[in-house]
Protein backbone atom coordinates (compact mmCIF):
# COMPACT_ATOMS: atom_id res chain seq x y z
CA MET A 1 0.00 0.00 0.00
CA THR A 2 1.28 3.30 -0.90
CA THR A 3 0.16 6.59 0.45
CA PRO A 4 0.43 9.75 -1.34
CA GLU A 5 2.99 12.02 0.16
CA THR A 6 1.68 15.22 1.54
CA SER A 7 3.65 18.17 0.61
CA PRO A 8 3.40 21.57 2.21
CA PRO A 9 1.34 24.04 0.32
CA GLU A 10 3.29 26.16 -2.01
CA SER A 11 4.26 29.48 -0.42
CA THR A 12 4.23 32.55 -2.48
CA PRO A 13 6.27 35.63 -1.72
CA ASP A 14 3.01 37.51 -1.04
CA SER A 15 1.83 34.96 1.53
CA ILE A 16 5.26 34.95 3.22
CA ASP A 17 5.16 38.75 3.42
CA ALA A 18 1.60 38.60 4.84
CA ASP A 19 2.64 35.97 7.44
CA LEU A 20 5.70 38.04 8.34
CA ALA A 21 3.59 41.20 8.71
CA ALA A 22 1.05 39.34 10.89
CA LEU A 23 3.82 37.90 13.05
CA SER A 24 5.44 41.33 13.32
CA GLU A 25 2.11 42.81 14.44
CA ARG A 26 1.68 40.05 17.01
CA LEU A 27 5.23 40.61 18.23
CA VAL A 28 4.68 44.35 18.60
CA SER A 29 1.36 43.69 20.36
CA ALA A 30 3.00 41.18 22.74
CA GLU A 31 5.88 43.58 23.45
CA ASP A 32 3.35 46.37 24.21
CA ALA A 33 1.41 44.06 26.53
CA ALA A 34 4.62 42.97 28.29
CA SER A 35 5.73 46.58 28.66
CA ALA A 36 2.32 47.58 30.08
CA ALA A 37 2.38 44.63 32.50
CA ARG A 38 5.92 45.50 33.60
CA GLU A 39 4.95 49.14 34.13
CA MET A 40 1.90 48.12 36.16
CA MET A 41 4.01 45.73 38.23
CA LEU A 42 6.54 48.49 38.94
CA ARG A 43 3.73 50.88 39.97
CA GLU A 44 2.21 48.25 42.26
CA HIS A 45 5.62 47.52 43.77
CA ALA A 46 6.20 51.24 44.40
CA GLU A 47 2.73 51.57 45.96
CA ILE A 48 3.37 48.61 48.28
CA GLU A 49 6.75 50.07 49.26
CA ASN A 50 5.16 53.47 49.99
CA GLN A 51 2.45 51.78 52.06
CA ARG A 52 5.08 49.82 54.01
CA LYS A 53 7.01 53.04 54.75
CA ARG A 54 3.80 54.84 55.76
CA LEU A 55 2.83 51.99 58.13
CA GLN A 56 6.35 51.98 59.61
CA ARG A 57 6.11 55.73 60.22
CA ASP A 58 2.66 55.34 61.82
CA LEU A 59 3.94 52.53 64.03
CA GLU A 60 6.90 54.63 65.17
CA GLN A 61 4.56 57.53 65.98
CA ALA A 62 2.21 55.21 67.89
CA ARG A 63 5.12 53.83 69.92
CA LYS A 64 6.52 57.29 70.54
CA PHE A 65 3.23 58.71 71.83
CA ALA A 66 1.54 55.57 73.22
CA ASN A 67 1.77 56.79 76.79
CA GLU A 68 0.78 60.39 76.02
CA ARG A 69 -2.67 60.01 77.60
CA VAL A 70 -1.32 58.40 80.78
CA LEU A 71 1.39 61.00 81.18
CA GLY A 72 -1.10 63.80 80.55
CA ASP A 73 -3.29 62.44 83.34
CA LEU A 74 -0.28 62.09 85.65
CA LEU A 75 0.46 65.80 85.31
CA ALA A 76 -2.34 66.52 87.81
CA VAL A 77 -0.62 64.24 90.33
CA ALA A 78 2.75 65.93 89.71
CA ASP A 79 1.14 69.36 90.09
CA ALA A 80 -0.42 68.33 93.42
CA LEU A 81 2.94 67.08 94.70
CA GLY A 82 4.59 70.31 93.58
CA ARG A 83 1.99 72.43 95.37
CA GLY A 84 2.47 70.37 98.53
CA LEU A 85 6.22 70.90 98.45
CA ALA A 86 5.77 74.63 97.87
CA VAL A 87 4.00 75.10 101.21
CA ALA A 88 6.76 76.28 103.54
CA ASN A 89 5.07 76.19 106.92
CA ALA A 90 2.85 73.11 106.63
CA ASP A 91 2.38 70.90 109.66
CA ALA A 92 2.42 67.10 109.57
CA ALA A 93 -1.39 66.81 109.55
CA SER A 94 -1.83 69.03 106.51
CA LEU A 95 1.04 67.30 104.69
CA ARG A 96 -0.58 63.93 105.39
CA ALA A 97 -3.97 65.17 104.16
CA GLY A 98 -2.34 66.48 101.00
CA MET A 99 -0.51 63.19 100.44
CA GLU A 100 -3.77 61.24 100.90
CA LEU A 101 -5.53 63.43 98.31
CA THR A 102 -2.61 63.05 95.91
CA LEU A 103 -2.58 59.27 96.40
CA LYS A 104 -6.33 59.14 95.68
CA GLU A 105 -5.76 61.12 92.47
CA LEU A 106 -2.93 58.79 91.47
CA GLU A 107 -5.11 55.72 92.12
CA ARG A 108 -7.91 57.30 90.05
CA VAL A 109 -5.52 57.83 87.12
CA MET A 110 -4.15 54.30 87.42
CA GLN A 111 -7.65 52.81 87.48
CA ALA A 112 -8.73 54.95 84.51
CA HIS A 113 -5.90 53.37 82.52
CA GLY A 114 -6.69 49.77 83.44
CA LEU A 115 -4.33 49.35 86.40
CA SER A 116 -5.85 47.73 89.47
CA ALA A 117 -4.30 46.69 92.78
CA ILE A 118 -4.36 43.09 93.94
CA GLU A 119 -5.98 42.89 97.40
CA PRO A 120 -5.13 39.36 98.60
CA VAL A 121 -5.43 39.62 102.43
CA GLY A 122 -7.60 36.76 103.66
CA GLN A 123 -7.57 35.08 100.24
CA PRO A 124 -5.94 31.72 99.48
CA PHE A 125 -2.36 32.05 98.26
CA ASP A 126 -2.22 32.15 94.43
CA ALA A 127 1.25 31.61 92.96
CA GLU A 128 0.07 33.26 89.72
CA ARG A 129 -0.59 36.60 91.46
CA HIS A 130 1.31 36.46 94.75
CA GLN A 131 4.92 35.98 95.73
CA ALA A 132 5.30 34.49 99.21
CA MET A 133 8.05 36.20 101.18
CA SER A 134 7.58 34.17 104.36
CA LEU A 135 5.39 31.71 106.21
CA VAL A 136 4.06 32.86 109.58
CA ASP A 137 2.04 31.33 112.40
CA ALA A 138 -1.39 32.92 112.14
CA PRO A 139 -3.90 31.58 114.67
CA GLY A 140 -7.43 31.87 113.33
CA GLN A 141 -6.27 31.85 109.69
CA ALA A 142 -6.60 28.87 107.40
CA PRO A 143 -3.30 27.40 106.23
CA ASN A 144 -2.01 28.80 102.93
CA THR A 145 -3.96 32.04 103.35
CA VAL A 146 -2.45 35.47 102.73
CA VAL A 147 -1.97 37.21 106.09
CA THR A 148 -0.28 40.49 105.14
CA VAL A 149 0.79 42.35 102.04
CA LEU A 150 4.35 43.66 102.07
CA GLN A 151 4.09 45.26 98.62
CA LYS A 152 0.98 45.68 96.52
CA GLY A 153 0.67 43.75 93.31
CA TYR A 154 -0.99 45.16 90.19
CA LEU A 155 -2.96 43.94 87.20
CA LEU A 156 -2.97 45.85 83.94
CA ASN A 157 -6.22 45.08 82.13
CA GLU A 158 -6.44 41.73 83.98
CA ARG A 159 -2.84 40.79 83.09
CA LEU A 160 -0.31 40.57 85.91
CA LEU A 161 2.01 43.57 85.93
CA ARG A 162 3.62 42.91 89.32
CA PRO A 163 2.87 40.16 91.85
CA ALA A 164 1.94 41.09 95.41
CA LEU A 165 4.66 40.34 97.96
CA VAL A 166 2.86 38.56 100.80
CA THR A 167 3.23 36.59 104.00
CA VAL A 168 1.27 33.35 104.13
CA ALA A 169 -0.23 31.45 107.07
CA ARG A 170 1.71 28.32 107.91
CA ALA A 171 -0.09 25.00 108.40
CA ALA A 172 -0.46 24.06 112.07
CA GLY A 173 2.51 22.05 113.26
CA ALA A 174 4.63 22.83 110.20
């Protein structure tokens, strides 16, 4: 069995020129599309870089002024202390009264900013919030109960900032 050989169609110079022109047009079109895509990619990259720099600047500003509100509120406490020190002939009772008012103002500012004192006296010892400094005999107190606070502990928005330093009731016979 023989099969007729297929030969490529005859190409004429006109058809070659037409194919070349069509390919040239497609090449120019593809180069234009590639150039436009590259330009868009460069613009997008520049926009992302600008956004990254802007966010970095904003973050630095936020860090720099994060405590501005707290410090602004503490100025009233500092002013009260300054006025107390300016009184030349104050007696002990008036100084104490002034210190109590200033302490109340300081506690108000601390509470307004989410800081609260841990008040553990009479509560069971909690190693998460308390640091035992000593064990003491405490008649009338249940074992492992906080008897006294040597230094207040604080929570900042329910997260431990500083544990309370406490003395704890010892178990009978221990």
